[in-house]
C-alpha atoms as a PDB file:
ATOM      1  CA  MET A   1       0.000   0.000   0.000  1.00  0.00           C
ATOM      2  CA  GLU A   2       1.155   3.522  -0.751  1.00  0.00           C
ATOM      3  CA  THR A   3       1.402   6.289   1.840  1.00  0.00           C
ATOM      4  CA  ILE A   4       0.302   9.897   1.344  1.00  0.00           C
ATOM      5  CA  SER A   5       0.240  12.932   3.586  1.00  0.00           C
ATOM      6  CA  VAL A   6      -2.837  15.151   3.670  1.00  0.00           C
ATOM      7  CA  LYS A   7      -3.170  18.545   5.331  1.00  0.00           C
ATOM      8  CA  LEU A   8      -6.620  19.167   6.810  1.00  0.00           C
ATOM      9  CA  PRO A   9      -8.214  22.121   8.521  1.00  0.00           C
ATOM     10  CA  LYS A  10      -8.621  21.518  12.255  1.00  0.00           C
ATOM     11  CA  LYS A  11     -12.405  21.007  12.008  1.00  0.00           C
ATOM     12  CA  LEU A  12     -12.051  18.307   9.322  1.00  0.00           C
ATOM     13  CA  LYS A  13      -9.333  16.536  11.314  1.00  0.00           C
ATOM     14  CA  GLU A  14     -11.582  16.598  14.383  1.00  0.00           C
ATOM     15  CA  PHE A  15     -14.459  15.225  12.310  1.00  0.00           C
ATOM     16  CA  ALA A  16     -12.290  12.392  10.952  1.00  0.00           C
ATOM     17  CA  ASP A  17     -11.043  11.600  14.450  1.00  0.00           C
ATOM     18  CA  LYS A  18     -14.652  11.472  15.683  1.00  0.00           C
ATOM     19  CA  GLN A  19     -15.532   8.871  13.038  1.00  0.00           C
ATOM     20  CA  VAL A  20     -12.727   6.715  14.422  1.00  0.00           C
ATOM     21  CA  ALA A  21     -13.669   7.403  18.054  1.00  0.00           C
ATOM     22  CA  ASP A  22     -17.286   6.425  17.285  1.00  0.00           C
ATOM     23  CA  GLY A  23     -16.015   3.031  16.153  1.00  0.00           C
ATOM     24  CA  LYS A  24     -17.011   3.454  12.523  1.00  0.00           C
ATOM     25  CA  TYR A  25     -13.417   3.094  11.339  1.00  0.00           C
ATOM     26  CA  SER A  26     -10.255   1.573  12.755  1.00  0.00           C
ATOM     27  CA  ASP A  27      -8.196   4.703  12.031  1.00  0.00           C
ATOM     28  CA  VAL A  28      -8.260   7.882   9.953  1.00  0.00           C
ATOM     29  CA  SER A  29      -6.566   6.097   7.049  1.00  0.00           C
ATOM     30  CA  ASP A  30      -9.424   3.577   6.989  1.00  0.00           C
ATOM     31  CA  TYR A  31     -11.913   6.461   6.915  1.00  0.00           C
ATOM     32  CA  VAL A  32     -10.100   8.227   4.053  1.00  0.00           C
ATOM     33  CA  ARG A  33      -9.889   4.973   2.065  1.00  0.00           C
ATOM     34  CA  ASP A  34     -13.645   4.506   2.489  1.00  0.00           C
ATOM     35  CA  ILE A  35     -14.357   8.056   1.314  1.00  0.00           C
ATOM     36  CA  LEU A  36     -12.131   7.585  -1.743  1.00  0.00           C
ATOM     37  CA  GLU A  37     -13.726   4.235  -2.637  1.00  0.00           C
ATOM     38  CA  LYS A  38     -17.221   5.720  -2.373  1.00  0.00           C
ATOM     39  CA  ASP A  39     -16.200   8.676  -4.534  1.00  0.00           C
ATOM     40  CA  LYS A  40     -14.668   6.313  -7.102  1.00  0.00           C
ATOM     41  CA  LYS A  41     -17.936   4.327  -7.295  1.00  0.00           C
ATOM     42  CA  ARG A  42     -19.993   7.522  -7.493  1.00  0.00           C
ATOM     43  CA  ARG A  43     -17.907   8.849 -10.367  1.00  0.00           C
ATOM     44  CA  ALA A  44     -18.159   5.508 -12.202  1.00  0.00           C
ATOM     45  CA  ALA A  45     -21.950   5.589 -11.798  1.00  0.00           C
ATOM     46  CA  ILE A  46     -22.101   9.145 -13.151  1.00  0.00           C
ATOM     47  CA  ALA A  47     -19.969   8.140 -16.134  1.00  0.00           C
ATOM     48  CA  GLU A  48     -22.285   5.187 -16.782  1.00  0.00           C
ATOM     49  CA  ILE A  49     -25.327   7.456 -16.646  1.00  0.00           C
ATOM     50  CA  ASN A  50     -23.701   9.925 -19.043  1.00  0.00           C
ATOM     51  CA  ILE A  51     -22.930   7.133 -21.508  1.00  0.00           C
ATOM     52  CA  ALA A  52     -26.525   5.916 -21.291  1.00  0.00           C
ATOM     53  CA  LEU A  53     -27.792   9.458 -21.859  1.00  0.00           C
ATOM     54  CA  GLU A  54     -25.578   9.885 -24.918  1.00  0.00           C
ATOM     55  CA  GLU A  55     -26.705   6.509 -26.284  1.00  0.00           C
ATOM     56  CA  GLY A  56     -30.304   7.465 -25.662  1.00  0.00           C
ATOM     57  CA  GLU A  57     -29.930  10.773 -27.447  1.00  0.00           C
ATOM     58  CA  ALA A  58     -28.221   9.074 -30.388  1.00  0.00           C
ATOM     59  CA  SER A  59     -30.899   6.381 -30.684  1.00  0.00           C
ATOM     60  CA  GLY A  60     -33.646   8.790 -31.639  1.00  0.00           C
ATOM     61  CA  PHE A  61     -37.246   9.012 -30.471  1.00  0.00           C
ATOM     62  CA  VAL A  62     -38.844   6.027 -28.765  1.00  0.00           C
ATOM     63  CA  PRO A  63     -42.510   6.028 -27.787  1.00  0.00           C
ATOM     64  CA  TYR A  64     -42.935   6.505 -24.048  1.00  0.00           C
ATOM     65  CA  VAL A  65     -44.506   3.605 -22.159  1.00  0.00           C
ATOM     66  CA  ARG A  66     -45.035   4.701 -18.568  1.00  0.00           C
ATOM     67  CA  GLU A  67     -45.322   1.212 -17.072  1.00  0.00           C
ATOM     68  CA  GLU A  68     -42.054   0.047 -18.648  1.00  0.00           C
ATOM     69  CA  PHE A  69     -40.300   3.201 -17.480  1.00  0.00           C
ATOM     70  CA  GLU A  70     -41.567   2.810 -13.903  1.00  0.00           C
ATOM     71  CA  GLN A  71     -40.583  -0.864 -13.806  1.00  0.00           C
ATOM     72  CA  ARG A  72     -37.068  -0.139 -15.076  1.00  0.00           C
ATOM     73  CA  PHE A  73     -36.735   2.789 -12.654  1.00  0.00           C
ATOM     74  CA  GLU A  74     -37.666   0.522  -9.727  1.00  0.00           C
ATOM     75  CA  GLU A  75     -35.104  -2.085 -10.846  1.00  0.00           C
ATOM     76  CA  ILE A  76     -32.354   0.532 -10.994  1.00  0.00           C
ATOM     77  CA  ALA A  77     -33.389   2.073  -7.649  1.00  0.00           C
ATOM     78  CA  LYS A  78     -33.413  -1.361  -5.999  1.00  0.00           C
ATOM     79  CA  ALA A  79     -29.943  -2.160  -7.358  1.00  0.00           C
ATOM     80  CA  HIS A  80     -28.711   1.222  -6.116  1.00  0.00           C
ATOM     81  CA  ARG A  81     -30.146   0.645  -2.630  1.00  0.00           C
ATOM     82  CA  LEU A  82     -28.525  -2.807  -2.481  1.00  0.00           C
ATOM     83  CA  SER A  83     -25.145  -1.443  -3.554  1.00  0.00           C
ATOM     84  CA  LYS A  84     -25.348   1.273  -0.884  1.00  0.00           C
ATOM     85  CA  LYS A  85     -26.345  -1.318   1.732  1.00  0.00           C
ATOM     86  CA  ASN A  86     -23.469  -3.613   0.733  1.00  0.00           C
ATOM     87  CA  ALA A  87     -21.012  -0.700   0.818  1.00  0.00           C
ATOM     88  CA  ALA A  88     -21.999   0.214   4.368  1.00  0.00           C
END
């Protein structure tokens, strides 16, 4: 594993220390790793959404079927909730 040094304002350092003191993380490094992993996943999800939007725009007009849209939305929302639950 690589080592980095990060300068934080006092309030952020206190906040990070509190996460450790509350037992959520073993140390500040563990907390920072978790934040970075979550940000990495978030950015990947945004990139995936942008690709889907571009593909959708390029595909042209498709008649809107509300029931199909709602079903697909629920599937995506459920998958998102599960991924958040598994990440916690």
